[in-house]
Amino acid sequence: MTPQLETKYVFTITAEIGGVTTAGETGHGVRRIIPIIGGTVKGEGINGKVCQFGADFQIIRPNELIELEAKYAFETDDGAIIYVENKGLRFGPVDLLQKLKRGEPVFCSVRPEAVRLRPGGESSGRPESDSTNELIGEVQSMMYLGDNEQYSIRLADSAVVRAVEYNPPTRKTNVGDRLALQFDAQAVVVLPQEELGD
């Protein structure tokens, strides 16, 4: 009988990153280094903080495919140091990836019904699925409009996102509160620049 490979959720790492350094052409792509400057680890029986060293060493190939290789460590709440090495590939529409590489803004939209808001602004520690994204920020403004609430939320990198929650629960949210926004990757739509106007 062929053995079956199984996976089990253990923890989620939320890493904070610093500015991008471009180290030049390597012969098969452009090398970029993105420092990992902190973060949190939350999971089932293991929690801690990301150490303030390490980096994501990327190579952007001519076809815009990006090789990712992050090397860093975290310290558990009981003092153990755990080394982490992540490798992967990121690919998408060439024009979108070129904008990201140049540091240009890319505008996305998430279907409102796909956004889940959680008070407290702490990472849940466990995504609902492998494709769940989570953004954490502080409420800058909010407006109640009958069956929905609209929020402007400033993220850690100073970007501001706007979220609409339909039929909100009875929780009380105020300006200055921290909120976590969760949404599935399949609910994200990249907006063409021409649809945005000037």
Protein backbone atom coordinates (compact mmCIF):
# COMPACT_ATOMS: atom_id res chain seq x y z
CA MET A 1 0.00 0.00 0.00
CA THR A 2 1.32 3.44 -0.95
CA PRO A 3 1.82 5.69 2.09
CA GLN A 4 -0.34 8.79 2.09
CA LEU A 5 1.17 12.17 2.87
CA GLU A 6 -0.93 14.12 5.35
CA THR A 7 -0.58 17.64 6.69
CA LYS A 8 -1.65 19.08 10.00
CA TYR A 9 -2.05 22.72 10.99
CA VAL A 10 0.55 23.73 13.59
CA PHE A 11 0.89 27.54 13.65
CA THR A 12 0.68 30.77 11.69
CA ILE A 13 3.62 33.16 11.34
CA THR A 14 2.79 36.83 10.75
CA ALA A 15 6.08 38.50 9.76
CA GLU A 16 6.86 42.20 9.69
CA ILE A 17 9.17 43.29 6.89
CA GLY A 18 11.45 46.25 6.21
CA GLY A 19 12.34 48.11 3.02
CA VAL A 20 13.39 46.29 -0.15
CA THR A 21 17.06 46.34 -1.21
CA THR A 22 17.85 45.51 -4.85
CA ALA A 23 21.24 43.83 -5.16
CA GLY A 24 21.41 43.74 -8.96
CA GLU A 25 21.39 41.20 -11.78
CA THR A 26 22.46 37.64 -10.95
CA GLY A 27 22.60 36.21 -14.46
CA HIS A 28 19.13 34.68 -14.34
CA GLY A 29 17.21 37.45 -12.59
CA VAL A 30 17.30 40.47 -10.30
CA ARG A 31 18.17 39.77 -6.65
CA ARG A 32 16.07 41.53 -4.00
CA ILE A 33 16.51 41.29 -0.25
CA ILE A 34 13.61 42.06 2.09
CA PRO A 35 14.55 42.11 5.79
CA ILE A 36 12.32 40.33 8.32
CA ILE A 37 12.20 42.62 11.35
CA GLY A 38 9.74 40.95 13.71
CA GLY A 39 6.30 39.43 13.95
CA THR A 40 4.24 36.88 15.85
CA VAL A 41 3.71 33.13 15.93
CA LYS A 42 0.35 31.75 17.03
CA GLY A 43 -0.94 28.24 16.91
CA GLU A 44 -2.04 25.12 18.70
CA GLY A 45 0.41 24.71 21.58
CA ILE A 46 3.13 26.90 20.09
CA ASN A 47 3.30 30.69 20.31
CA GLY A 48 6.11 33.20 20.19
CA LYS A 49 7.70 36.11 18.38
CA VAL A 50 9.69 36.36 15.16
CA CYS A 51 13.30 37.36 15.82
CA GLN A 52 14.54 40.68 14.42
CA PHE A 53 16.90 39.17 11.89
CA GLY A 54 16.60 37.18 8.70
CA ALA A 55 15.33 38.08 5.26
CA ASP A 56 13.42 37.00 2.17
CA PHE A 57 15.99 36.59 -0.62
CA GLN A 58 14.13 36.90 -3.91
CA ILE A 59 15.13 36.52 -7.55
CA ILE A 60 12.85 38.11 -10.14
CA ARG A 61 13.29 36.26 -13.42
CA PRO A 62 12.92 38.00 -16.81
CA ASN A 63 9.41 36.49 -17.21
CA GLU A 64 8.53 38.11 -13.80
CA LEU A 65 8.27 34.80 -11.98
CA ILE A 66 9.63 35.41 -8.48
CA GLU A 67 11.68 32.84 -6.57
CA LEU A 68 11.18 33.29 -2.83
CA GLU A 69 13.60 32.05 -0.18
CA ALA A 70 13.02 33.34 3.35
CA LYS A 71 15.42 32.44 6.18
CA TYR A 72 14.69 33.59 9.71
CA ALA A 73 13.93 32.33 13.22
CA PHE A 74 11.40 32.73 15.98
CA GLU A 75 11.51 32.36 19.74
CA THR A 76 8.74 30.43 21.45
CA ASP A 77 7.13 31.65 24.66
CA ASP A 78 9.18 29.11 26.60
CA GLY A 79 12.48 30.36 25.13
CA ALA A 80 13.22 27.84 22.36
CA ILE A 81 14.71 29.25 19.13
CA ILE A 82 13.33 27.68 15.95
CA TYR A 83 14.96 28.24 12.55
CA VAL A 84 12.61 28.62 9.57
CA GLU A 85 13.32 28.35 5.87
CA ASN A 86 10.51 28.98 3.35
CA LYS A 87 10.90 28.48 -0.38
CA GLY A 88 8.32 29.17 -3.05
CA LEU A 89 7.38 30.74 -6.37
CA ARG A 90 5.06 33.65 -7.09
CA PHE A 91 3.61 34.21 -10.53
CA GLY A 92 0.77 36.15 -12.08
CA PRO A 93 -0.06 38.51 -14.95
CA VAL A 94 3.22 40.05 -16.20
CA ASP A 95 1.92 43.66 -16.16
CA LEU A 96 0.79 43.28 -12.54
CA LEU A 97 4.10 41.80 -11.39
CA GLN A 98 6.05 44.52 -13.23
CA LYS A 99 4.07 47.19 -11.36
CA LEU A 100 4.82 45.50 -8.04
CA LYS A 101 8.52 45.30 -8.94
CA ARG A 102 8.62 49.03 -9.76
CA GLY A 103 6.88 49.83 -6.48
CA GLU A 104 3.79 51.18 -8.23
CA PRO A 105 0.41 50.85 -6.56
CA VAL A 106 -1.81 47.98 -7.62
CA PHE A 107 -5.48 48.42 -6.81
CA CYS A 108 -7.53 45.44 -5.78
CA SER A 109 -11.08 44.92 -4.67
CA VAL A 110 -12.60 42.19 -2.54
CA ARG A 111 -16.26 41.31 -2.85
CA PRO A 112 -17.89 42.88 0.25
CA GLU A 113 -19.73 39.70 1.17
CA ALA A 114 -16.37 37.89 1.29
CA VAL A 115 -14.86 40.15 3.98
CA ARG A 116 -15.01 39.08 7.61
CA LEU A 117 -14.14 41.59 10.33
CA ARG A 118 -12.85 40.52 13.71
CA PRO A 119 -12.40 42.93 16.63
CA GLY A 120 -9.22 43.10 18.68
CA GLY A 121 -6.74 43.37 15.84
CA GLU A 122 -4.80 40.26 16.82
CA SER A 123 -4.01 37.55 14.35
CA SER A 124 -6.41 34.63 14.71
CA GLY A 125 -3.42 32.29 14.62
CA ARG A 126 -5.28 29.90 12.36
CA PRO A 127 -6.52 30.75 8.86
CA GLU A 128 -9.89 29.38 7.85
CA SER A 129 -8.21 27.85 4.79
CA ASP A 130 -4.84 27.84 3.03
CA SER A 131 -6.03 30.73 0.85
CA THR A 132 -7.29 33.00 3.68
CA ASN A 133 -5.61 36.41 3.88
CA GLU A 134 -5.64 38.54 7.00
CA LEU A 135 -4.96 42.27 7.34
CA ILE A 136 -4.77 44.00 10.73
CA GLY A 137 -5.17 47.72 11.29
CA GLU A 138 -6.70 50.59 13.23
CA VAL A 139 -10.12 52.08 12.49
CA GLN A 140 -9.66 55.65 11.21
CA SER A 141 -13.30 56.39 10.47
CA MET A 142 -16.58 54.56 10.29
CA MET A 143 -20.10 55.19 9.11
CA TYR A 144 -23.33 53.29 9.77
CA LEU A 145 -25.65 53.22 6.75
CA GLY A 146 -28.73 51.16 7.58
CA ASP A 147 -27.85 47.56 6.75
CA ASN A 148 -24.09 48.12 6.48
CA GLU A 149 -21.12 49.72 8.21
CA GLN A 150 -18.26 51.29 6.26
CA TYR A 151 -14.76 51.46 7.73
CA SER A 152 -11.49 53.14 6.79
CA ILE A 153 -8.71 51.08 8.36
CA ARG A 154 -5.03 52.07 8.45
CA LEU A 155 -2.65 49.11 8.23
CA ALA A 156 0.81 48.85 9.79
CA ASP A 157 2.49 50.00 6.55
CA SER A 158 0.25 53.15 6.56
CA ALA A 159 -1.87 51.90 3.65
CA VAL A 160 -5.58 52.62 4.13
CA VAL A 161 -8.19 50.05 3.17
CA ARG A 162 -11.92 50.58 3.03
CA ALA A 163 -14.22 47.81 4.14
CA VAL A 164 -17.99 47.41 4.03
CA GLU A 165 -19.71 44.96 6.36
CA TYR A 166 -23.32 44.05 5.55
CA ASN A 167 -25.73 43.19 8.37
CA PRO A 168 -23.04 43.79 11.00
CA PRO A 169 -23.27 42.05 14.37
CA THR A 170 -24.19 44.05 17.43
CA ARG A 171 -20.58 44.53 18.54
CA LYS A 172 -19.52 48.10 19.29
CA THR A 173 -16.61 49.36 17.19
CA ASN A 174 -15.08 52.80 17.67
CA VAL A 175 -12.50 54.94 15.91
CA GLY A 176 -9.09 53.87 17.21
CA ASP A 177 -10.09 50.22 17.71
CA ARG A 178 -8.03 47.53 16.00
CA LEU A 179 -9.74 45.21 13.53
CA ALA A 180 -8.62 42.16 11.57
CA LEU A 181 -10.00 41.76 8.04
CA GLN A 182 -10.12 38.23 6.67
CA PHE A 183 -10.89 37.30 3.08
CA ASP A 184 -10.24 34.44 0.71
CA ALA A 185 -7.72 34.91 -2.11
CA GLN A 186 -10.33 33.86 -4.69
CA ALA A 187 -12.45 36.87 -3.73
CA VAL A 188 -9.75 39.38 -4.78
CA VAL A 189 -10.09 41.18 -8.12
CA VAL A 190 -7.24 43.28 -9.53
CA LEU A 191 -8.72 46.47 -10.99
CA PRO A 192 -7.45 47.63 -14.38
CA GLN A 193 -5.97 51.15 -14.15
CA GLU A 194 -8.41 52.48 -16.75
CA GLU A 195 -11.36 51.63 -14.48
CA LEU A 196 -9.96 53.82 -11.70
CA GLY A 197 -9.99 57.15 -13.53
CA ASP A 198 -7.48 59.88 -12.75
